[in-house]
Amino acid sequence: MPEAKKVAVVDGTKVGIVTADRQVALVDDQGSTVWSHHLPGGTVRSPLTLTMIDNSRALAIHVGDRLAWWMVDDGTEGGVALPSETAPITWRGDTPLIGTSTDTVALIQAGQLATVKVPQGATAVSAWTDGHVNAGAPTGWWQLKPGQEAGNAHPWETPASKPETLTVIDAMGPAIATVHPSSTGKGLEVVIHQDTGDGIHRLMAGQVPGAKPGDALNWFPSSSRTWAIVATRPTSADKKAAEGRALVDLQRGTVTDLGGPLSVASVIADRAFGTINGQRVVVSPDAPTGLMSPSESVVEEVLGRNALVRSSSNGQERIWLLPPNPAVPTVKK
């Protein structure tokens, strides 16, 4: 298969995939093709992603020097030329956010790129179909729009004792994740802010167990956008330094210790797969951490009652739509 490693689930009953012969297809939970199109030429540089283009749902992908898309309802094809093949694209809001230069980004409006100027020192984190881009910096946040001056930053509702120590680490839908040293100075606190339309306001906060000031954090959002895994990033000098680990649940407002440093393999809508201290585990906001049996596969996504599982053999990758196996229970810790 091309490098479109991740599938895109639509309504829990259909899945968008990129095939080995460079077809983009929407397939239902019975394995029937709803529609398919040939992938444009060029290197695939992003997963196939469910997003919004001009207020309509689309499956989009970065291929070559284009952002290509197909409307979910009928497969209508569209696309836009990018500044370069390596232009970065993120999918954290409800529409693609495209890096266009060192100080500008763009979003799609009327099928074209609309450029937004990003203030110096700020990070653009998410784009929205109503035409605004959320950006953040240690000093505060902005809601930016094409053709408008940014103005002064709005201060975060819960700033760090020293604002310059705050770091914007990622976003997940309307939520923006920031991190800064805890009030004790001995750990790190993750603070989640929410875009409520009229501004960006504090939603929740919690300590990241095992994390220390100066640690870099990785953010692994679920496809449901209601929870995420946050973990310290290992360094080449000391792999054992990656001890920080937590499950951040936006719905419950909790930050939960996972019990050990987690190496993440896959995060789907309701669970994550990985290893803790060499043991394969599955973690979820709705159940205790479970140990995986040797026969269990890492699930890429769930489609209805079935699971999508990827396998590799002789240089070929295949995606299987498998029913649940009640004979293999998950062992609880």
Protein backbone atom coordinates (compact mmCIF):
# COMPACT_ATOMS: atom_id res chain seq x y z
CA MET A 1 0.00 0.00 0.00
CA PRO A 2 1.08 3.64 -0.36
CA GLU A 3 2.06 5.56 2.76
CA ALA A 4 -1.58 6.31 3.65
CA LYS A 5 -1.26 4.07 6.69
CA LYS A 6 -4.34 5.15 8.60
CA VAL A 7 -7.89 4.39 7.52
CA ALA A 8 -10.74 6.90 7.93
CA VAL A 9 -13.96 5.70 9.57
CA VAL A 10 -17.20 7.43 8.53
CA ASP A 11 -20.30 7.24 10.78
CA GLY A 12 -18.98 4.04 12.36
CA THR A 13 -20.33 2.07 9.37
CA LYS A 14 -18.01 2.91 6.44
CA VAL A 15 -14.28 3.25 5.98
CA GLY A 16 -12.11 5.17 3.55
CA ILE A 17 -8.97 3.37 2.39
CA VAL A 18 -6.12 3.74 -0.10
CA THR A 19 -5.43 0.48 -1.95
CA ALA A 20 -2.19 -0.97 -3.27
CA ASP A 21 -3.15 0.00 -6.83
CA ARG A 22 -3.65 3.63 -5.73
CA GLN A 23 -7.42 3.65 -5.53
CA VAL A 24 -9.23 5.75 -2.93
CA ALA A 25 -12.34 3.86 -1.89
CA LEU A 26 -15.21 4.25 0.56
CA VAL A 27 -16.26 0.78 1.74
CA ASP A 28 -19.23 -0.15 3.94
CA ASP A 29 -19.25 -2.58 6.87
CA GLN A 30 -20.22 -5.45 4.55
CA GLY A 31 -17.13 -4.91 2.40
CA SER A 32 -19.03 -3.36 -0.54
CA THR A 33 -17.53 -0.37 -2.34
CA VAL A 34 -19.68 2.77 -2.12
CA TRP A 35 -17.44 4.72 -4.51
CA SER A 36 -13.82 4.72 -5.64
CA HIS A 37 -11.43 7.00 -7.54
CA HIS A 38 -7.85 6.82 -8.75
CA LEU A 39 -5.37 8.56 -6.47
CA PRO A 40 -3.53 11.48 -8.13
CA GLY A 41 0.13 10.97 -8.96
CA GLY A 42 2.85 11.78 -6.45
CA THR A 43 4.12 10.63 -3.09
CA VAL A 44 1.45 10.10 -0.44
CA ARG A 45 2.39 12.33 2.49
CA SER A 46 -0.53 12.03 4.88
CA PRO A 47 -3.17 9.54 5.98
CA LEU A 48 -6.56 9.59 4.28
CA THR A 49 -8.53 11.76 6.71
CA LEU A 50 -12.21 12.53 7.32
CA THR A 51 -12.54 16.32 7.38
CA MET A 52 -14.73 19.21 6.23
CA ILE A 53 -14.23 21.11 2.98
CA ASP A 54 -16.48 24.16 2.56
CA ASN A 55 -18.99 22.81 5.13
CA SER A 56 -19.29 19.36 3.53
CA ARG A 57 -17.70 16.14 4.76
CA ALA A 58 -14.82 14.88 2.65
CA LEU A 59 -12.03 12.32 2.64
CA ALA A 60 -8.80 14.24 2.05
CA ILE A 61 -5.16 13.33 1.52
CA HIS A 62 -1.85 15.10 0.84
CA VAL A 63 -0.38 13.59 -2.31
CA GLY A 64 2.48 15.13 -4.30
CA ASP A 65 2.05 18.90 -4.31
CA ARG A 66 -1.73 18.73 -3.90
CA LEU A 67 -4.35 18.40 -1.22
CA ALA A 68 -6.91 16.12 -2.87
CA TRP A 69 -10.39 15.34 -1.58
CA TRP A 70 -13.56 13.40 -2.36
CA MET A 71 -16.97 14.28 -0.91
CA VAL A 72 -18.26 11.53 1.37
CA ASP A 73 -21.84 11.59 0.07
CA ASP A 74 -21.16 11.02 -3.63
CA GLY A 75 -17.38 10.86 -4.17
CA THR A 76 -17.20 14.20 -6.02
CA GLU A 77 -13.50 14.96 -6.51
CA GLY A 78 -11.72 18.22 -5.67
CA GLY A 79 -8.32 19.53 -4.75
CA VAL A 80 -5.97 22.47 -4.47
CA ALA A 81 -2.32 23.05 -5.34
CA LEU A 82 0.03 23.45 -2.36
CA PRO A 83 3.05 25.79 -2.09
CA SER A 84 5.32 22.73 -2.18
CA GLU A 85 5.26 18.96 -1.83
CA THR A 86 6.51 19.26 1.73
CA ALA A 87 3.97 21.86 2.90
CA PRO A 88 2.85 20.61 6.35
CA ILE A 89 -0.83 19.74 6.79
CA THR A 90 -2.55 19.05 10.11
CA TRP A 91 -6.12 17.92 10.76
CA ARG A 92 -6.79 19.05 14.31
CA GLY A 93 -9.81 21.27 13.69
CA ASP A 94 -12.70 20.47 11.34
CA THR A 95 -10.86 21.51 8.15
CA PRO A 96 -7.23 21.09 7.01
CA LEU A 97 -4.61 23.53 8.31
CA ILE A 98 -1.86 24.06 5.73
CA GLY A 99 1.55 25.56 6.40
CA THR A 100 2.44 27.98 3.60
CA SER A 101 5.52 29.83 4.93
CA THR A 102 7.42 30.45 8.15
CA ASP A 103 4.78 32.94 9.33
CA THR A 104 1.59 32.04 7.42
CA VAL A 105 -0.87 29.18 7.24
CA ALA A 106 -3.91 28.60 5.07
CA LEU A 107 -7.33 26.97 5.22
CA ILE A 108 -9.76 26.05 2.44
CA GLN A 109 -12.44 28.58 1.51
CA ALA A 110 -14.54 28.19 -1.66
CA GLY A 111 -12.15 25.48 -2.82
CA GLN A 112 -9.08 27.75 -2.62
CA LEU A 113 -6.31 28.49 -0.13
CA ALA A 114 -7.08 31.43 2.16
CA THR A 115 -3.91 32.70 3.86
CA VAL A 116 -3.69 33.66 7.53
CA LYS A 117 -0.79 35.54 9.11
CA VAL A 118 0.51 33.96 12.34
CA PRO A 119 1.97 36.24 15.05
CA GLN A 120 5.67 35.88 15.81
CA GLY A 121 6.27 33.19 18.43
CA ALA A 122 2.79 31.68 18.04
CA THR A 123 1.80 28.21 16.86
CA ALA A 124 -1.24 27.73 14.63
CA VAL A 125 -2.98 24.64 16.00
CA SER A 126 -6.36 24.18 14.28
CA ALA A 127 -8.49 25.49 11.39
CA TRP A 128 -12.28 25.72 11.20
CA THR A 129 -14.83 25.90 8.39
CA ASP A 130 -16.23 29.17 9.75
CA GLY A 131 -12.93 30.68 8.57
CA HIS A 132 -10.87 31.05 11.75
CA VAL A 133 -7.57 29.55 12.87
CA ASN A 134 -6.72 29.01 16.54
CA ALA A 135 -3.17 29.90 17.53
CA GLY A 136 -1.35 29.90 20.84
CA ALA A 137 1.87 31.09 22.46
CA PRO A 138 3.17 31.36 26.02
CA THR A 139 1.65 34.86 26.17
CA GLY A 140 -1.88 33.80 25.15
CA TRP A 141 -4.14 32.80 22.28
CA TRP A 142 -5.62 34.21 19.07
CA GLN A 143 -8.54 33.42 16.77
CA LEU A 144 -7.12 34.46 13.41
CA LYS A 145 -8.93 35.11 10.12
CA PRO A 146 -7.74 35.62 6.52
CA GLY A 147 -7.04 39.25 5.69
CA GLN A 148 -7.29 40.44 9.30
CA GLU A 149 -4.56 41.64 11.67
CA ALA A 150 -3.93 39.38 14.64
CA GLY A 151 -3.90 42.05 17.32
CA ASN A 152 -2.69 41.37 20.84
CA ALA A 153 -2.85 37.92 22.40
CA HIS A 154 -5.70 37.08 24.77
CA PRO A 155 -4.13 35.78 28.00
CA TRP A 156 -4.73 32.17 29.01
CA GLU A 157 -7.19 31.87 31.88
CA THR A 158 -4.70 29.84 33.92
CA PRO A 159 -1.23 31.08 33.00
CA ALA A 160 1.90 29.54 34.38
CA SER A 161 3.66 31.43 37.14
CA LYS A 162 6.12 32.37 34.40
CA PRO A 163 4.20 32.57 31.08
CA GLU A 164 7.35 31.90 29.06
CA THR A 165 7.43 28.36 30.49
CA LEU A 166 4.06 27.44 28.98
CA THR A 167 4.15 25.29 25.81
CA VAL A 168 1.33 24.59 23.36
CA ILE A 169 1.73 20.87 22.63
CA ASP A 170 -1.25 20.02 20.40
CA ALA A 171 -4.96 20.35 19.74
CA MET A 172 -7.87 17.95 19.43
CA GLY A 173 -10.94 19.46 17.83
CA PRO A 174 -11.87 22.56 19.83
CA ALA A 175 -9.52 21.60 22.68
CA ILE A 176 -5.99 23.05 22.91
CA ALA A 177 -3.50 21.23 25.12
CA THR A 178 -0.84 23.27 26.92
CA VAL A 179 1.75 22.19 29.47
CA HIS A 180 3.80 24.02 32.06
CA PRO A 181 5.63 23.30 35.32
CA SER A 182 3.33 22.55 38.25
CA SER A 183 3.03 24.96 41.15
CA THR A 184 5.45 22.80 43.17
CA GLY A 185 8.08 23.09 40.42
CA LYS A 186 8.68 19.33 40.55
CA GLY A 187 6.35 18.09 37.81
CA LEU A 188 4.38 19.04 34.71
CA GLU A 189 0.73 20.00 34.49
CA VAL A 190 -1.34 19.63 31.34
CA VAL A 191 -4.03 22.30 30.98
CA ILE A 192 -6.80 21.92 28.40
CA HIS A 193 -8.46 25.00 26.94
CA GLN A 194 -11.65 24.86 24.87
CA ASP A 195 -12.71 26.94 21.86
CA THR A 196 -16.29 27.86 22.76
CA GLY A 197 -16.89 30.13 19.78
CA ASP A 198 -16.69 33.36 21.77
CA GLY A 199 -13.14 32.65 22.91
CA ILE A 200 -10.79 30.01 24.30
CA HIS A 201 -11.44 29.13 27.93
CA ARG A 202 -9.95 26.79 30.51
CA LEU A 203 -11.63 23.38 30.56
CA MET A 204 -9.55 21.18 32.89
CA ALA A 205 -6.07 20.50 34.22
CA GLY A 206 -4.06 17.75 35.86
CA GLN A 207 -0.57 16.49 36.69
CA VAL A 208 1.24 14.20 34.23
CA PRO A 209 2.59 11.35 36.41
CA GLY A 210 6.30 10.75 35.99
CA ALA A 211 6.92 13.91 33.96
CA LYS A 212 9.56 16.43 34.98
CA PRO A 213 10.12 20.11 34.07
CA GLY A 214 12.00 20.20 30.79
CA ASP A 215 10.50 16.94 29.46
CA ALA A 216 9.02 17.12 25.96
CA LEU A 217 5.54 15.63 25.65
CA ASN A 218 3.87 13.66 22.87
CA TRP A 219 0.10 13.96 22.42
CA PHE A 220 -1.85 11.00 20.98
CA PRO A 221 -5.49 12.03 20.39
CA SER A 222 -8.31 9.52 19.94
CA SER A 223 -10.35 9.62 16.75
CA SER A 224 -13.42 10.41 18.90
CA ARG A 225 -11.65 13.62 20.02
CA THR A 226 -12.89 13.13 23.58
CA TRP A 227 -9.67 11.81 25.16
CA ALA A 228 -5.96 11.46 24.48
CA ILE A 229 -2.76 9.87 25.71
CA VAL A 230 0.01 12.23 26.80
CA ALA A 231 3.49 10.82 27.33
CA THR A 232 7.01 12.16 27.68
CA ARG A 233 9.12 11.86 24.56
CA PRO A 234 12.19 9.62 24.92
CA THR A 235 15.55 11.17 24.18
CA SER A 236 18.31 9.47 22.22
CA ALA A 237 20.62 9.96 25.20
CA ASP A 238 18.43 8.28 27.79
CA LYS A 239 15.49 6.13 26.68
CA LYS A 240 14.63 5.43 30.32
CA ALA A 241 13.84 9.12 30.82
CA ALA A 242 10.45 8.69 29.12
CA GLU A 243 8.45 8.03 32.30
CA GLY A 244 5.56 10.50 31.93
CA ARG A 245 2.25 8.93 31.01
CA ALA A 246 -1.43 9.80 31.45
CA LEU A 247 -4.87 9.41 29.89
CA VAL A 248 -6.56 12.79 29.54
CA ASP A 249 -10.37 12.47 29.48
CA LEU A 250 -12.06 15.68 28.32
CA GLN A 251 -15.58 14.44 29.05
CA ARG A 252 -14.85 13.50 32.67
CA GLY A 253 -12.26 16.23 33.23
CA THR A 254 -9.69 13.75 34.55
CA VAL A 255 -5.99 12.98 34.06
CA THR A 256 -5.34 9.31 34.96
CA ASP A 257 -2.01 7.60 35.64
CA LEU A 258 -1.50 4.66 33.26
CA GLY A 259 0.74 2.90 35.75
CA GLY A 260 3.95 3.00 33.74
CA PRO A 261 5.62 4.58 30.70
CA LEU A 262 3.44 3.79 27.67
CA SER A 263 4.80 3.16 24.18
CA VAL A 264 1.78 3.85 21.95
CA ALA A 265 1.09 1.57 18.96
CA SER A 266 -2.41 2.72 17.98
CA VAL A 267 -5.15 5.01 19.32
CA ILE A 268 -8.71 4.57 18.06
CA ALA A 269 -12.07 6.00 19.13
CA ASP A 270 -12.47 4.16 22.43
CA ARG A 271 -9.12 2.55 23.25
CA ALA A 272 -5.36 2.67 22.77
CA PHE A 273 -2.85 -0.16 22.25
CA GLY A 274 0.76 -0.19 23.31
CA THR A 275 3.27 -1.56 25.78
CA ILE A 276 3.98 -0.74 29.43
CA ASN A 277 7.19 -2.19 30.88
CA GLY A 278 7.37 -4.68 27.99
CA GLN A 279 3.78 -5.92 28.42
CA ARG A 280 1.26 -5.44 25.61
CA VAL A 281 -1.73 -3.54 26.97
CA VAL A 282 -4.99 -1.91 25.95
CA VAL A 283 -6.08 1.27 27.75
CA SER A 284 -9.42 3.04 27.60
CA PRO A 285 -11.23 5.90 29.35
CA ASP A 286 -14.11 3.49 29.98
CA ALA A 287 -12.31 0.47 31.47
CA PRO A 288 -9.26 -0.46 33.56
CA THR A 289 -5.99 -1.10 31.75
CA GLY A 290 -6.03 -4.63 30.32
CA LEU A 291 -3.28 -7.06 29.39
CA MET A 292 -3.41 -8.34 25.80
CA SER A 293 -3.07 -12.04 25.08
CA PRO A 294 -0.46 -13.14 22.49
CA SER A 295 -3.25 -13.98 20.01
CA GLU A 296 -4.86 -10.54 20.12
CA SER A 297 -4.23 -8.11 17.26
CA VAL A 298 -3.80 -4.37 17.48
CA VAL A 299 -7.05 -2.91 16.15
CA GLU A 300 -6.69 -0.03 13.72
CA GLU A 301 -10.33 1.06 13.94
CA VAL A 302 -13.77 -0.32 14.81
CA LEU A 303 -16.47 -0.56 12.14
CA GLY A 304 -19.82 -1.46 13.64
CA ARG A 305 -19.21 -4.65 15.61
CA ASN A 306 -16.21 -5.55 13.46
CA ALA A 307 -12.56 -4.61 13.81
CA LEU A 308 -10.16 -3.39 11.14
CA VAL A 309 -6.80 -5.14 11.53
CA ARG A 310 -3.71 -4.57 9.35
CA SER A 311 -1.26 -7.34 8.51
CA SER A 312 1.99 -7.50 6.51
CA SER A 313 3.26 -10.41 4.45
CA ASN A 314 5.91 -10.58 1.71
CA GLY A 315 6.09 -6.80 1.51
CA GLN A 316 2.32 -6.49 1.05
CA GLU A 317 -0.04 -4.89 3.55
CA ARG A 318 -3.66 -5.94 3.89
CA ILE A 319 -6.57 -4.62 5.93
CA TRP A 320 -8.95 -7.22 7.32
CA LEU A 321 -12.50 -6.63 8.51
CA LEU A 322 -12.86 -9.15 11.34
CA PRO A 323 -15.74 -10.01 13.69
CA PRO A 324 -15.12 -9.92 17.46
CA ASN A 325 -13.67 -13.04 19.08
CA PRO A 326 -15.44 -13.65 22.40
CA ALA A 327 -13.22 -16.70 23.04
CA VAL A 328 -10.23 -14.45 23.73
CA PRO A 329 -11.06 -12.37 26.84
CA THR A 330 -9.03 -9.39 27.93
CA VAL A 331 -7.26 -10.06 31.23
CA LYS A 332 -7.72 -7.19 33.66
CA LYS A 333 -4.86 -6.03 35.86
